[in-house]
Each structure stands twice: as structure tokens, then as C-alpha cells.
Amino acid sequence: MSDSDSPLCPLCGRPIPREARQSLHHLTPRLKGGKGGPTVLLHQICHNEIHATLTEAELARDYNSIEALRAHPRLAKFITWVAKRPPGFHSKTPGPRRRR
């Protein structure tokens, strides 16, 4: 499968090749009523950044759409950074973890 055949990550817009680390993200967290709700396929690094940035409560209340996630200042900065990386790129999530 070529990159042009791969699904696109809705957060960063890069292709998600079959061999890339990837996971499903519940737009509303399962623990906040999102079990069985809509999910999106993301690069694992993009998914990690979402959960490093926002609490489950914030995700459920204010960031339960791709548009809202892309508008968050830290995630917008991350998207600009990761967009310059190859589609299969993965690394540990940079920067501080969110406050619990």
C-alpha cells in the first residue's frame, strides 16, 4: 500500500501507512460517556499528544471534535511540527505531560 492509498490522520493530515504506529481515538472519552461513540484513526504520536495535553474531562467538554482539537494552541503547534516528519514517524511525546 502506498502513502496515497493510506488513510489520512484527521489531526495532522499525513497518511497513516499500514506499518505506522496507529490507534483509535474516542472523540468523547469512554469514561465520560463515549463508549460506542465515534472514533477516529490517528497516528499513535498524534493520539499520545492529545492525551498528554488534555484531561478526559476537557476532551469530553470542549475538545470532542477534530476541529476543536486542531484549534488547541499546544496541539496546533504540535501539528505544525509533526507535519514536517515522514508519515511513519514516531517518537516519545515531547514536552511536559498535562497536569492531573
PDB file of N, CA and C in Angstrom:
ATOM      1  N   MET A   1       0.853  -1.184   0.000  1.00  0.00           N
ATOM      2  CA  MET A   1       0.000   0.000   0.000  1.00  0.00           C
ATOM      3  C   MET A   1       0.891   1.237   0.000  1.00  0.00           C
ATOM      4  N   SER A   2       0.658   2.126  -0.931  1.00  0.00           N
ATOM      5  CA  SER A   2       1.441   3.358  -0.988  1.00  0.00           C
ATOM      6  C   SER A   2       0.814   4.392  -0.068  1.00  0.00           C
ATOM      7  N   ASP A   3       1.575   5.475   0.201  1.00  0.00           N
ATOM      8  CA  ASP A   3       1.043   6.540   1.053  1.00  0.00           C
ATOM      9  C   ASP A   3      -0.261   7.102   0.493  1.00  0.00           C
ATOM     10  N   SER A   4      -0.388   7.118  -0.842  1.00  0.00           N
ATOM     11  CA  SER A   4      -1.600   7.690  -1.436  1.00  0.00           C
ATOM     12  C   SER A   4      -2.825   6.800  -1.177  1.00  0.00           C
ATOM     13  N   ASP A   5      -2.601   5.505  -0.866  1.00  0.00           N
ATOM     14  CA  ASP A   5      -3.703   4.594  -0.564  1.00  0.00           C
ATOM     15  C   ASP A   5      -4.013   4.547   0.935  1.00  0.00           C
ATOM     16  N   SER A   6      -3.125   5.118   1.744  1.00  0.00           N
ATOM     17  CA  SER A   6      -3.272   5.053   3.197  1.00  0.00           C
ATOM     18  C   SER A   6      -4.333   6.036   3.673  1.00  0.00           C
ATOM     19  N   PRO A   7      -5.023   5.690   4.778  1.00  0.00           N
ATOM     20  CA  PRO A   7      -5.954   6.674   5.346  1.00  0.00           C
ATOM     21  C   PRO A   7      -5.180   7.886   5.848  1.00  0.00           C
ATOM     22  N   LEU A   8      -5.843   9.038   5.886  1.00  0.00           N
ATOM     23  CA  LEU A   8      -5.212  10.256   6.391  1.00  0.00           C
ATOM     24  C   LEU A   8      -5.541  10.438   7.859  1.00  0.00           C
ATOM     25  N   CYS A   9      -4.557  10.870   8.617  1.00  0.00           N
ATOM     26  CA  CYS A   9      -4.771  11.201  10.019  1.00  0.00           C
ATOM     27  C   CYS A   9      -5.559  12.504  10.065  1.00  0.00           C
ATOM     28  N   PRO A  10      -6.740  12.513  10.683  1.00  0.00           N
ATOM     29  CA  PRO A  10      -7.528  13.745  10.691  1.00  0.00           C
ATOM     30  C   PRO A  10      -6.893  14.861  11.528  1.00  0.00           C
ATOM     31  N   LEU A  11      -5.983  14.521  12.441  1.00  0.00           N
ATOM     32  CA  LEU A  11      -5.353  15.560  13.252  1.00  0.00           C
ATOM     33  C   LEU A  11      -4.255  16.257  12.466  1.00  0.00           C
ATOM     34  N   CYS A  12      -3.272  15.501  11.961  1.00  0.00           N
ATOM     35  CA  CYS A  12      -2.117  16.137  11.306  1.00  0.00           C
ATOM     36  C   CYS A  12      -2.220  16.169   9.784  1.00  0.00           C
ATOM     37  N   GLY A  13      -3.127  15.382   9.206  1.00  0.00           N
ATOM     38  CA  GLY A  13      -3.317  15.382   7.762  1.00  0.00           C
ATOM     39  C   GLY A  13      -2.338  14.517   6.985  1.00  0.00           C
ATOM     40  N   ARG A  14      -1.391  13.859   7.687  1.00  0.00           N
ATOM     41  CA  ARG A  14      -0.436  12.990   6.994  1.00  0.00           C
ATOM     42  C   ARG A  14      -1.055  11.610   6.782  1.00  0.00           C
ATOM     43  N   PRO A  15      -0.588  10.874   5.735  1.00  0.00           N
ATOM     44  CA  PRO A  15      -1.065   9.493   5.561  1.00  0.00           C
ATOM     45  C   PRO A  15      -0.649   8.626   6.753  1.00  0.00           C
ATOM     46  N   ILE A  16      -1.424   7.601   7.023  1.00  0.00           N
ATOM     47  CA  ILE A  16      -1.094   6.633   8.068  1.00  0.00           C
ATOM     48  C   ILE A  16      -0.767   5.310   7.371  1.00  0.00           C
ATOM     49  N   PRO A  17       0.517   5.064   7.079  1.00  0.00           N
ATOM     50  CA  PRO A  17       0.863   3.797   6.418  1.00  0.00           C
ATOM     51  C   PRO A  17       0.548   2.607   7.321  1.00  0.00           C
ATOM     52  N   ARG A  18       0.304   1.463   6.707  1.00  0.00           N
ATOM     53  CA  ARG A  18      -0.069   0.261   7.459  1.00  0.00           C
ATOM     54  C   ARG A  18       0.944  -0.063   8.551  1.00  0.00           C
ATOM     55  N   GLU A  19       2.242   0.161   8.277  1.00  0.00           N
ATOM     56  CA  GLU A  19       3.292  -0.198   9.242  1.00  0.00           C
ATOM     57  C   GLU A  19       3.480   0.855  10.345  1.00  0.00           C
ATOM     58  N   ALA A  20       2.831   1.999  10.219  1.00  0.00           N
ATOM     59  CA  ALA A  20       2.976   3.068  11.220  1.00  0.00           C
ATOM     60  C   ALA A  20       2.224   2.703  12.490  1.00  0.00           C
ATOM     61  N   ARG A  21       2.739   3.169  13.631  1.00  0.00           N
ATOM     62  CA  ARG A  21       2.006   3.001  14.895  1.00  0.00           C
ATOM     63  C   ARG A  21       0.762   3.874  14.821  1.00  0.00           C
ATOM     64  N   GLN A  22      -0.371   3.287  15.132  1.00  0.00           N
ATOM     65  CA  GLN A  22      -1.651   3.971  14.981  1.00  0.00           C
ATOM     66  C   GLN A  22      -2.623   3.471  16.042  1.00  0.00           C
ATOM     67  N   SER A  23      -3.662   4.249  16.291  1.00  0.00           N
ATOM     68  CA  SER A  23      -4.685   3.821  17.247  1.00  0.00           C
ATOM     69  C   SER A  23      -5.972   4.600  17.024  1.00  0.00           C
ATOM     70  N   LEU A  24      -7.051   4.059  17.588  1.00  0.00           N
ATOM     71  CA  LEU A  24      -8.351   4.722  17.513  1.00  0.00           C
ATOM     72  C   LEU A  24      -8.513   5.652  18.702  1.00  0.00           C
ATOM     73  N   HIS A  25      -9.018   6.853  18.419  1.00  0.00           N
ATOM     74  CA  HIS A  25      -9.287   7.841  19.465  1.00  0.00           C
ATOM     75  C   HIS A  25     -10.789   8.035  19.564  1.00  0.00           C
ATOM     76  N   HIS A  26     -11.332   7.880  20.760  1.00  0.00           N
ATOM     77  CA  HIS A  26     -12.745   8.176  21.006  1.00  0.00           C
ATOM     78  C   HIS A  26     -12.882   9.699  21.127  1.00  0.00           C
ATOM     79  N   LEU A  27     -13.703  10.296  20.287  1.00  0.00           N
ATOM     80  CA  LEU A  27     -13.857  11.758  20.323  1.00  0.00           C
ATOM     81  C   LEU A  27     -14.413  12.208  21.671  1.00  0.00           C
ATOM     82  N   THR A  28     -15.316  11.433  22.249  1.00  0.00           N
ATOM     83  CA  THR A  28     -15.726  11.639  23.639  1.00  0.00           C
ATOM     84  C   THR A  28     -15.141  10.462  24.408  1.00  0.00           C
ATOM     85  N   PRO A  29     -14.327  10.731  25.430  1.00  0.00           N
ATOM     86  CA  PRO A  29     -13.689   9.623  26.161  1.00  0.00           C
ATOM     87  C   PRO A  29     -14.704   8.594  26.650  1.00  0.00           C
ATOM     88  N   ARG A  30     -14.302   7.316  26.576  1.00  0.00           N
ATOM     89  CA  ARG A  30     -15.189   6.232  27.013  1.00  0.00           C
ATOM     90  C   ARG A  30     -15.683   6.446  28.439  1.00  0.00           C
ATOM     91  N   LEU A  31     -14.787   6.888  29.319  1.00  0.00           N
ATOM     92  CA  LEU A  31     -15.171   7.068  30.722  1.00  0.00           C
ATOM     93  C   LEU A  31     -16.099   8.256  30.933  1.00  0.00           C
ATOM     94  N   LYS A  32     -16.260   9.080  29.915  1.00  0.00           N
ATOM     95  CA  LYS A  32     -17.134  10.258  30.010  1.00  0.00           C
ATOM     96  C   LYS A  32     -18.352  10.109  29.094  1.00  0.00           C
ATOM     97  N   GLY A  33     -18.766   8.875  28.844  1.00  0.00           N
ATOM     98  CA  GLY A  33     -19.978   8.630  28.060  1.00  0.00           C
ATOM     99  C   GLY A  33     -19.739   8.348  26.594  1.00  0.00           C
ATOM    100  N   GLY A  34     -18.493   8.175  26.172  1.00  0.00           N
ATOM    101  CA  GLY A  34     -18.201   7.984  24.758  1.00  0.00           C
ATOM    102  C   GLY A  34     -18.108   6.543  24.308  1.00  0.00           C
ATOM    103  N   LYS A  35     -18.366   5.583  25.206  1.00  0.00           N
ATOM    104  CA  LYS A  35     -18.311   4.178  24.807  1.00  0.00           C
ATOM    105  C   LYS A  35     -19.336   3.943  23.709  1.00  0.00           C
ATOM    106  N   GLY A  36     -18.893   3.396  22.599  1.00  0.00           N
ATOM    107  CA  GLY A  36     -19.785   3.177  21.466  1.00  0.00           C
ATOM    108  C   GLY A  36     -19.963   4.416  20.604  1.00  0.00           C
ATOM    109  N   GLY A  37     -19.338   5.528  20.999  1.00  0.00           N
ATOM    110  CA  GLY A  37     -19.443   6.770  20.228  1.00  0.00           C
ATOM    111  C   GLY A  37     -18.441   6.800  19.083  1.00  0.00           C
ATOM    112  N   PRO A  38     -18.370   7.907  18.368  1.00  0.00           N
ATOM    113  CA  PRO A  38     -17.494   7.995  17.205  1.00  0.00           C
ATOM    114  C   PRO A  38     -16.014   7.928  17.585  1.00  0.00           C
ATOM    115  N   THR A  39     -15.255   7.250  16.711  1.00  0.00           N
ATOM    116  CA  THR A  39     -13.805   7.162  16.861  1.00  0.00           C
ATOM    117  C   THR A  39     -13.144   7.610  15.571  1.00  0.00           C
ATOM    118  N   VAL A  40     -11.877   8.005  15.679  1.00  0.00           N
ATOM    119  CA  VAL A  40     -11.080   8.360  14.501  1.00  0.00           C
ATOM    120  C   VAL A  40      -9.744   7.636  14.590  1.00  0.00           C
ATOM    121  N   LEU A  41      -9.227   7.211  13.443  1.00  0.00           N
ATOM    122  CA  LEU A  41      -7.920   6.574  13.381  1.00  0.00           C
ATOM    123  C   LEU A  41      -6.850   7.660  13.316  1.00  0.00           C
ATOM    124  N   LEU A  42      -5.893   7.598  14.242  1.00  0.00           N
ATOM    125  CA  LEU A  42      -4.821   8.591  14.314  1.00  0.00           C
ATOM    126  C   LEU A  42      -3.460   7.899  14.333  1.00  0.00           C
ATOM    127  N   HIS A  43      -2.416   8.648  13.955  1.00  0.00           N
ATOM    128  CA  HIS A  43      -1.060   8.193  14.254  1.00  0.00           C
ATOM    129  C   HIS A  43      -0.969   8.053  15.773  1.00  0.00           C
ATOM    130  N   GLN A  44      -0.203   7.086  16.254  1.00  0.00           N
ATOM    131  CA  GLN A  44      -0.048   6.931  17.698  1.00  0.00           C
ATOM    132  C   GLN A  44       0.547   8.192  18.320  1.00  0.00           C
ATOM    133  N   ILE A  45       1.513   8.828  17.636  1.00  0.00           N
ATOM    134  CA  ILE A  45       2.146  10.036  18.184  1.00  0.00           C
ATOM    135  C   ILE A  45       1.119  11.169  18.324  1.00  0.00           C
ATOM    136  N   CYS A  46       0.182  11.257  17.389  1.00  0.00           N
ATOM    137  CA  CYS A  46      -0.860  12.289  17.460  1.00  0.00           C
ATOM    138  C   CYS A  46      -1.806  11.984  18.625  1.00  0.00           C
ATOM    139  N   HIS A  47      -2.173  10.710  18.775  1.00  0.00           N
ATOM    140  CA  HIS A  47      -3.048  10.293  19.863  1.00  0.00           C
ATOM    141  C   HIS A  47      -2.373  10.562  21.212  1.00  0.00           C
ATOM    142  N   ASN A  48      -1.083  10.220  21.313  1.00  0.00           N
ATOM    143  CA  ASN A  48      -0.346  10.464  22.560  1.00  0.00           C
ATOM    144  C   ASN A  48      -0.343  11.949  22.913  1.00  0.00           C
ATOM    145  N   GLU A  49      -0.153  12.802  21.918  1.00  0.00           N
ATOM    146  CA  GLU A  49      -0.089  14.246  22.171  1.00  0.00           C
ATOM    147  C   GLU A  49      -1.432  14.768  22.673  1.00  0.00           C
ATOM    148  N   ILE A  50      -2.526  14.272  22.132  1.00  0.00           N
ATOM    149  CA  ILE A  50      -3.857  14.682  22.602  1.00  0.00           C
ATOM    150  C   ILE A  50      -3.983  14.389  24.092  1.00  0.00           C
ATOM    151  N   HIS A  51      -3.622  13.155  24.485  1.00  0.00           N
ATOM    152  CA  HIS A  51      -3.793  12.763  25.888  1.00  0.00           C
ATOM    153  C   HIS A  51      -2.721  13.346  26.805  1.00  0.00           C
ATOM    154  N   ALA A  52      -1.594  13.778  26.251  1.00  0.00           N
ATOM    155  CA  ALA A  52      -0.579  14.472  27.053  1.00  0.00           C
ATOM    156  C   ALA A  52      -0.996  15.919  27.309  1.00  0.00           C
ATOM    157  N   THR A  53      -1.869  16.436  26.462  1.00  0.00           N
ATOM    158  CA  THR A  53      -2.263  17.840  26.518  1.00  0.00           C
ATOM    159  C   THR A  53      -3.547  18.066  27.310  1.00  0.00           C
ATOM    160  N   LEU A  54      -4.515  17.188  27.136  1.00  0.00           N
ATOM    161  CA  LEU A  54      -5.857  17.427  27.673  1.00  0.00           C
ATOM    162  C   LEU A  54      -6.314  16.317  28.611  1.00  0.00           C
ATOM    163  N   THR A  55      -7.076  16.694  29.632  1.00  0.00           N
ATOM    164  CA  THR A  55      -7.667  15.710  30.536  1.00  0.00           C
ATOM    165  C   THR A  55      -8.892  15.079  29.871  1.00  0.00           C
ATOM    166  N   GLU A  56      -9.342  13.973  30.429  1.00  0.00           N
ATOM    167  CA  GLU A  56     -10.556  13.326  29.913  1.00  0.00           C
ATOM    168  C   GLU A  56     -11.741  14.296  29.994  1.00  0.00           C
ATOM    169  N   ALA A  57     -11.825  15.042  31.098  1.00  0.00           N
ATOM    170  CA  ALA A  57     -12.931  15.996  31.262  1.00  0.00           C
ATOM    171  C   ALA A  57     -12.870  17.090  30.197  1.00  0.00           C
ATOM    172  N   GLU A  58     -11.676  17.617  29.922  1.00  0.00           N
ATOM    173  CA  GLU A  58     -11.535  18.652  28.883  1.00  0.00           C
ATOM    174  C   GLU A  58     -11.909  18.089  27.516  1.00  0.00           C
ATOM    175  N   LEU A  59     -11.476  16.853  27.242  1.00  0.00           N
ATOM    176  CA  LEU A  59     -11.817  16.225  25.964  1.00  0.00           C
ATOM    177  C   LEU A  59     -13.328  16.090  25.821  1.00  0.00           C
ATOM    178  N   ALA A  60     -13.984  15.624  26.861  1.00  0.00           N
ATOM    179  CA  ALA A  60     -15.435  15.425  26.803  1.00  0.00           C
ATOM    180  C   ALA A  60     -16.183  16.748  26.670  1.00  0.00           C
ATOM    181  N   ARG A  61     -15.739  17.761  27.406  1.00  0.00           N
ATOM    182  CA  ARG A  61     -16.464  19.025  27.481  1.00  0.00           C
ATOM    183  C   ARG A  61     -16.193  19.939  26.279  1.00  0.00           C
ATOM    184  N   ASP A  62     -14.912  20.124  25.934  1.00  0.00           N
ATOM    185  CA  ASP A  62     -14.559  21.170  24.969  1.00  0.00           C
ATOM    186  C   ASP A  62     -13.840  20.695  23.712  1.00  0.00           C
ATOM    187  N   TYR A  63     -13.309  19.482  23.727  1.00  0.00           N
ATOM    188  CA  TYR A  63     -12.446  19.047  22.615  1.00  0.00           C
ATOM    189  C   TYR A  63     -12.897  17.704  22.056  1.00  0.00           C
ATOM    190  N   ASN A  64     -14.203  17.577  21.787  1.00  0.00           N
ATOM    191  CA  ASN A  64     -14.741  16.312  21.298  1.00  0.00           C
ATOM    192  C   ASN A  64     -14.969  16.305  19.788  1.00  0.00           C
ATOM    193  N   SER A  65     -14.205  17.135  19.072  1.00  0.00           N
ATOM    194  CA  SER A  65     -14.221  17.121  17.607  1.00  0.00           C
ATOM    195  C   SER A  65     -12.800  17.369  17.113  1.00  0.00           C
ATOM    196  N   ILE A  66     -12.545  16.922  15.899  1.00  0.00           N
ATOM    197  CA  ILE A  66     -11.216  17.158  15.306  1.00  0.00           C
ATOM    198  C   ILE A  66     -10.964  18.658  15.174  1.00  0.00           C
ATOM    199  N   GLU A  67     -11.985  19.426  14.792  1.00  0.00           N
ATOM    200  CA  GLU A  67     -11.827  20.873  14.619  1.00  0.00           C
ATOM    201  C   GLU A  67     -11.384  21.530  15.929  1.00  0.00           C
ATOM    202  N   ALA A  68     -12.022  21.140  17.028  1.00  0.00           N
ATOM    203  CA  ALA A  68     -11.665  21.710  18.332  1.00  0.00           C
ATOM    204  C   ALA A  68     -10.250  21.298  18.729  1.00  0.00           C
ATOM    205  N   LEU A  69      -9.894  20.029  18.500  1.00  0.00           N
ATOM    206  CA  LEU A  69      -8.538  19.571  18.830  1.00  0.00           C
ATOM    207  C   LEU A  69      -7.496  20.349  18.031  1.00  0.00           C
ATOM    208  N   ARG A  70      -7.746  20.527  16.734  1.00  0.00           N
ATOM    209  CA  ARG A  70      -6.783  21.227  15.870  1.00  0.00           C
ATOM    210  C   ARG A  70      -6.626  22.695  16.278  1.00  0.00           C
ATOM    211  N   ALA A  71      -7.651  23.267  16.919  1.00  0.00           N
ATOM    212  CA  ALA A  71      -7.617  24.679  17.319  1.00  0.00           C
ATOM    213  C   ALA A  71      -6.902  24.898  18.656  1.00  0.00           C
ATOM    214  N   HIS A  72      -6.671  23.834  19.431  1.00  0.00           N
ATOM    215  CA  HIS A  72      -6.000  23.988  20.730  1.00  0.00           C
ATOM    216  C   HIS A  72      -4.566  24.474  20.489  1.00  0.00           C
ATOM    217  N   PRO A  73      -4.100  25.505  21.195  1.00  0.00           N
ATOM    218  CA  PRO A  73      -2.776  26.092  20.913  1.00  0.00           C
ATOM    219  C   PRO A  73      -1.618  25.083  20.948  1.00  0.00           C
ATOM    220  N   ARG A  74      -1.560  24.230  21.970  1.00  0.00           N
ATOM    221  CA  ARG A  74      -0.442  23.269  22.035  1.00  0.00           C
ATOM    222  C   ARG A  74      -0.550  22.237  20.916  1.00  0.00           C
ATOM    223  N   LEU A  75      -1.764  21.781  20.618  1.00  0.00           N
ATOM    224  CA  LEU A  75      -1.930  20.800  19.548  1.00  0.00           C
ATOM    225  C   LEU A  75      -1.645  21.431  18.188  1.00  0.00           C
ATOM    226  N   ALA A  76      -2.024  22.686  17.993  1.00  0.00           N
ATOM    227  CA  ALA A  76      -1.732  23.378  16.732  1.00  0.00           C
ATOM    228  C   ALA A  76      -0.219  23.466  16.510  1.00  0.00           C
ATOM    229  N   LYS A  77       0.513  23.765  17.570  1.00  0.00           N
ATOM    230  CA  LYS A  77       1.972  23.829  17.485  1.00  0.00           C
ATOM    231  C   LYS A  77       2.544  22.439  17.175  1.00  0.00           C
ATOM    232  N   PHE A  78       2.012  21.407  17.828  1.00  0.00           N
ATOM    233  CA  PHE A  78       2.438  20.032  17.568  1.00  0.00           C
ATOM    234  C   PHE A  78       2.182  19.650  16.109  1.00  0.00           C
ATOM    235  N   ILE A  79       0.994  19.984  15.593  1.00  0.00           N
ATOM    236  CA  ILE A  79       0.634  19.637  14.212  1.00  0.00           C
ATOM    237  C   ILE A  79       1.620  20.268  13.234  1.00  0.00           C
ATOM    238  N   THR A  80       1.977  21.534  13.458  1.00  0.00           N
ATOM    239  CA  THR A  80       2.960  22.203  12.598  1.00  0.00           C
ATOM    240  C   THR A  80       4.286  21.458  12.631  1.00  0.00           C
ATOM    241  N   TRP A  81       4.698  21.025  13.832  1.00  0.00           N
ATOM    242  CA  TRP A  81       5.962  20.309  13.997  1.00  0.00           C
ATOM    243  C   TRP A  81       5.915  18.940  13.335  1.00  0.00           C
ATOM    244  N   VAL A  82       4.873  18.144  13.610  1.00  0.00           N
ATOM    245  CA  VAL A  82       4.826  16.765  13.129  1.00  0.00           C
ATOM    246  C   VAL A  82       4.559  16.699  11.624  1.00  0.00           C
ATOM    247  N   ALA A  83       3.949  17.724  11.059  1.00  0.00           N
ATOM    248  CA  ALA A  83       3.668  17.730   9.620  1.00  0.00           C
ATOM    249  C   ALA A  83       4.943  17.662   8.783  1.00  0.00           C
ATOM    250  N   LYS A  84       6.072  18.065   9.364  1.00  0.00           N
ATOM    251  CA  LYS A  84       7.356  18.036   8.659  1.00  0.00           C
ATOM    252  C   LYS A  84       8.030  16.663   8.753  1.00  0.00           C
ATOM    253  N   ARG A  85       7.429  15.729   9.489  1.00  0.00           N
ATOM    254  CA  ARG A  85       8.008  14.400   9.683  1.00  0.00           C
ATOM    255  C   ARG A  85       7.406  13.415   8.684  1.00  0.00           C
ATOM    256  N   PRO A  86       8.141  12.315   8.387  1.00  0.00           N
ATOM    257  CA  PRO A  86       7.576  11.311   7.470  1.00  0.00           C
ATOM    258  C   PRO A  86       6.321  10.656   8.067  1.00  0.00           C
ATOM    259  N   PRO A  87       5.451  10.100   7.229  1.00  0.00           N
ATOM    260  CA  PRO A  87       4.185   9.536   7.709  1.00  0.00           C
ATOM    261  C   PRO A  87       4.336   8.464   8.782  1.00  0.00           C
ATOM    262  N   GLY A  88       5.386   7.670   8.743  1.00  0.00           N
ATOM    263  CA  GLY A  88       5.560   6.608   9.724  1.00  0.00           C
ATOM    264  C   GLY A  88       6.326   7.031  10.964  1.00  0.00           C
ATOM    265  N   PHE A  89       6.647   8.318  11.092  1.00  0.00           N
ATOM    266  CA  PHE A  89       7.457   8.823  12.209  1.00  0.00           C
ATOM    267  C   PHE A  89       6.767   8.587  13.546  1.00  0.00           C
ATOM    268  N   HIS A  90       7.568   8.168  14.534  1.00  0.00           N
ATOM    269  CA  HIS A  90       7.065   8.049  15.905  1.00  0.00           C
ATOM    270  C   HIS A  90       8.213   8.365  16.855  1.00  0.00           C
ATOM    271  N   SER A  91       7.901   9.023  17.937  1.00  0.00           N
ATOM    272  CA  SER A  91       8.882   9.264  18.998  1.00  0.00           C
ATOM    273  C   SER A  91       8.111   9.430  20.298  1.00  0.00           C
ATOM    274  N   LYS A  92       8.838   9.496  21.380  1.00  0.00           N
ATOM    275  CA  LYS A  92       8.172   9.785  22.653  1.00  0.00           C
ATOM    276  C   LYS A  92       7.548  11.166  22.559  1.00  0.00           C
ATOM    277  N   THR A  93       6.465  11.364  23.253  1.00  0.00           N
ATOM    278  CA  THR A  93       5.775  12.647  23.228  1.00  0.00           C
ATOM    279  C   THR A  93       6.665  13.696  23.887  1.00  0.00           C
ATOM    280  N   PRO A  94       7.043  14.738  23.139  1.00  0.00           N
ATOM    281  CA  PRO A  94       7.927  15.759  23.702  1.00  0.00           C
ATOM    282  C   PRO A  94       7.185  16.680  24.666  1.00  0.00           C
ATOM    283  N   GLY A  95       7.931  17.358  25.480  1.00  0.00           N
ATOM    284  CA  GLY A  95       7.341  18.369  26.361  1.00  0.00           C
ATOM    285  C   GLY A  95       6.735  17.771  27.609  1.00  0.00           C
ATOM    286  N   PRO A  96       6.282  18.653  28.497  1.00  0.00           N
ATOM    287  CA  PRO A  96       5.731  18.195  29.774  1.00  0.00           C
ATOM    288  C   PRO A  96       4.379  17.521  29.590  1.00  0.00           C
ATOM    289  N   ARG A  97       4.098  16.561  30.446  1.00  0.00           N
ATOM    290  CA  ARG A  97       2.787  15.905  30.464  1.00  0.00           C
ATOM    291  C   ARG A  97       1.780  16.881  31.075  1.00  0.00           C
ATOM    292  N   ARG A  98       0.517  16.645  30.795  1.00  0.00           N
ATOM    293  CA  ARG A  98      -0.529  17.520  31.358  1.00  0.00           C
ATOM    294  C   ARG A  98      -0.596  17.341  32.862  1.00  0.00           C
ATOM    295  N   ARG A  99      -1.121  18.351  33.513  1.00  0.00           N
ATOM    296  CA  ARG A  99      -1.350  18.280  34.959  1.00  0.00           C
ATOM    297  C   ARG A  99      -2.533  17.351  35.208  1.00  0.00           C
ATOM    298  N   ARG A 100      -2.453  16.554  36.233  1.00  0.00           N
ATOM    299  CA  ARG A 100      -3.565  15.634  36.551  1.00  0.00           C
ATOM    300  C   ARG A 100      -4.538  16.292  37.501  1.00  0.00           C
TER     301      ARG A 100
END
